């Protein structure tokens, strides 16, 4: 069975239109990557854990705040590596300050084979993006999540 992750496509309405909250992964591998490197807040579902509860837990861990609202299921999305991401859309407080995120950290040996263990943030930054910009920034495997969210808005509009 494929590993499953759960995440939230967090959005808000502004005078200029809808904006999407994306997070940039921390750590040395992602440090110099930007376009095509951002993600919705998400993470692995623990055995026996409710998937929506996992998505909410991961958002809290990555952003440092609880995300509340009406959670609308978007679907399951197979990623290039085989993992499946199950996603929900939720409208955030329009005043949510993405620059103030303070989430969890992880440890890893860096530089490789140095014997030095360093701590890195899971997410080194979060930002609100207009839809077109979010489409350029989001990981290729998660682009369908954004597309389905937008299609649903047009359909339900």
Protein backbone atom coordinates (compact mmCIF):
# COMPACT_ATOMS: atom_id res chain seq x y z
CA UNK A 1 0.00 0.00 0.00
CA UNK A 2 1.28 3.48 -0.88
CA UNK A 3 2.25 5.87 1.88
CA UNK A 4 -0.39 8.52 2.44
CA UNK A 5 0.02 12.14 3.34
CA UNK A 6 -2.75 14.56 4.21
CA UNK A 7 -2.73 18.29 3.65
CA UNK A 8 -4.67 21.51 3.48
CA UNK A 9 -5.00 23.88 0.55
CA UNK A 10 -5.47 27.06 2.58
CA UNK A 11 -6.93 30.03 0.72
CA UNK A 12 -8.25 33.50 1.41
CA UNK A 13 -10.23 36.16 -0.40
CA UNK A 14 -8.65 39.57 -0.91
CA UNK A 15 -9.71 42.65 -2.85
CA UNK A 16 -7.48 41.37 -5.68
CA UNK A 17 -8.96 37.85 -5.71
CA UNK A 18 -8.16 34.50 -4.16
CA UNK A 19 -4.73 33.80 -2.68
CA UNK A 20 -3.19 30.43 -1.81
CA UNK A 21 -0.95 29.77 1.20
CA UNK A 22 2.09 27.66 0.32
CA UNK A 23 5.04 26.56 2.44
CA UNK A 24 8.67 26.21 1.42
CA UNK A 25 10.47 23.15 2.82
CA UNK A 26 13.40 23.78 5.11
CA UNK A 27 16.78 22.13 5.02
CA UNK A 28 19.77 22.29 2.73
CA UNK A 29 18.28 20.37 -0.21
CA UNK A 30 15.60 23.03 -0.75
CA UNK A 31 17.60 26.11 0.25
CA UNK A 32 18.27 27.34 -3.30
CA UNK A 33 15.10 26.02 -4.93
CA UNK A 34 12.05 28.22 -5.34
CA UNK A 35 9.87 27.80 -8.41
CA UNK A 36 8.28 24.35 -8.32
CA UNK A 37 9.46 23.73 -4.74
CA UNK A 38 6.56 25.02 -2.61
CA UNK A 39 3.84 22.82 -1.12
CA UNK A 40 0.55 22.84 0.67
CA UNK A 41 1.09 22.14 4.40
CA UNK A 42 0.99 18.35 4.58
CA UNK A 43 2.57 15.27 6.11
CA UNK A 44 2.33 11.55 6.66
CA UNK A 45 -0.82 9.99 8.08
CA UNK A 46 0.00 7.84 11.11
CA UNK A 47 -1.42 4.29 11.20
CA UNK A 48 -5.06 4.41 12.32
CA UNK A 49 -5.15 8.23 12.22
CA UNK A 50 -8.09 10.04 10.65
CA UNK A 51 -6.82 11.71 7.47
CA UNK A 52 -8.43 15.10 8.11
CA UNK A 53 -7.06 15.06 11.66
CA UNK A 54 -3.63 14.33 10.18
CA UNK A 55 -3.94 17.23 7.72
CA UNK A 56 -4.91 19.60 10.54
CA UNK A 57 -2.07 18.30 12.76
CA UNK A 58 0.49 18.73 10.00
CA UNK A 59 -0.68 22.27 9.23
CA UNK A 60 -0.39 23.13 12.94
CA UNK A 61 3.10 21.59 13.11
CA UNK A 62 4.33 23.37 9.97
CA UNK A 63 2.69 26.75 10.56
CA UNK A 64 2.69 26.92 14.35
CA UNK A 65 -1.04 27.74 14.49
CA UNK A 66 -4.25 25.73 14.33
CA UNK A 67 -6.21 26.11 11.10
CA UNK A 68 -9.96 26.28 11.64
CA UNK A 69 -12.85 26.49 9.20
CA UNK A 70 -15.00 24.41 6.90
CA UNK A 71 -12.84 21.67 5.36
CA UNK A 72 -13.91 20.68 1.84
CA UNK A 73 -12.46 17.42 0.45
CA UNK A 74 -10.59 17.83 -2.83
CA UNK A 75 -9.46 14.26 -3.45
CA UNK A 76 -6.49 11.90 -3.54
CA UNK A 77 -3.42 12.78 -5.64
CA UNK A 78 -0.68 10.30 -6.55
CA UNK A 79 2.73 11.99 -6.44
CA UNK A 80 5.62 11.20 -8.83
CA UNK A 81 7.34 9.13 -6.11
CA UNK A 82 4.21 7.00 -5.53
CA UNK A 83 2.97 8.60 -2.30
CA UNK A 84 -0.69 9.65 -2.26
CA UNK A 85 -1.68 13.05 -0.88
CA UNK A 86 -5.26 13.49 0.26
CA UNK A 87 -6.21 17.17 0.38
CA UNK A 88 -8.90 19.47 1.74
CA UNK A 89 -9.53 23.12 0.97
CA UNK A 90 -10.18 25.55 3.82
CA UNK A 91 -10.66 29.30 3.82
CA UNK A 92 -8.35 31.08 6.23
CA UNK A 93 -8.69 34.30 8.15
CA UNK A 94 -7.77 36.99 5.58
CA UNK A 95 -5.43 38.56 8.15
CA UNK A 96 -3.43 35.36 8.75
CA UNK A 97 0.24 36.43 8.75
CA UNK A 98 2.20 33.87 6.73
CA UNK A 99 5.48 35.59 7.66
CA UNK A 100 4.94 34.68 11.33
CA UNK A 101 5.05 30.90 10.89
CA UNK A 102 7.01 29.01 13.52
CA UNK A 103 6.79 25.28 13.03
CA UNK A 104 8.69 22.12 13.96
CA UNK A 105 12.31 21.28 13.21
CA UNK A 106 14.16 18.13 12.14
CA UNK A 107 17.74 16.94 12.59
CA UNK A 108 20.08 15.55 9.96
CA UNK A 109 23.77 15.10 9.31
CA UNK A 110 25.01 18.12 7.37
CA UNK A 111 27.22 18.33 5.46
CA UNK A 112 26.90 14.66 4.44
CA UNK A 113 29.40 12.28 6.05
CA UNK A 114 30.66 15.09 8.31
CA UNK A 115 29.36 13.56 11.54
CA UNK A 116 27.79 16.96 12.35
CA UNK A 117 24.10 16.83 13.22
CA UNK A 118 22.27 20.08 12.52
CA UNK A 119 18.72 21.17 13.14
CA UNK A 120 16.59 22.64 10.33
CA UNK A 121 13.01 23.96 10.21
CA UNK A 122 10.48 21.67 8.49
CA UNK A 123 9.21 24.81 6.78
CA UNK A 124 11.56 27.76 6.38
CA UNK A 125 8.87 30.17 5.16
CA UNK A 126 5.25 30.46 4.13
CA UNK A 127 3.65 32.98 1.80
CA UNK A 128 0.38 33.95 0.18
CA UNK A 129 0.37 33.79 -3.62
CA UNK A 130 -2.08 34.88 -6.27
CA UNK A 131 -3.39 31.84 -8.15
CA UNK A 132 -1.12 32.19 -11.21
CA UNK A 133 1.97 32.59 -9.03
CA UNK A 134 0.92 29.67 -6.81
CA UNK A 135 0.72 27.57 -9.98
CA UNK A 136 4.36 28.38 -10.77
CA UNK A 137 5.61 27.84 -7.22
CA UNK A 138 3.79 24.62 -6.25
CA UNK A 139 5.44 21.21 -6.63
CA UNK A 140 4.58 19.57 -9.94
CA UNK A 141 2.91 16.64 -8.17
CA UNK A 142 0.58 18.98 -6.27
CA UNK A 143 -0.49 21.14 -9.23
CA UNK A 144 -3.61 18.99 -9.69
CA UNK A 145 -4.71 19.87 -6.14
CA UNK A 146 -4.65 23.56 -7.05
CA UNK A 147 -6.36 22.84 -10.39
CA UNK A 148 -9.19 20.89 -8.78
CA UNK A 149 -9.69 23.62 -6.18
CA UNK A 150 -9.99 26.26 -8.91
CA UNK A 151 -12.32 24.10 -11.02
CA UNK A 152 -14.58 23.59 -8.01
CA UNK A 153 -14.71 27.37 -7.40
CA UNK A 154 -15.73 28.01 -11.00
CA UNK A 155 -18.32 25.21 -10.93
CA UNK A 156 -19.79 26.26 -7.57
CA UNK A 157 -19.23 29.93 -8.27
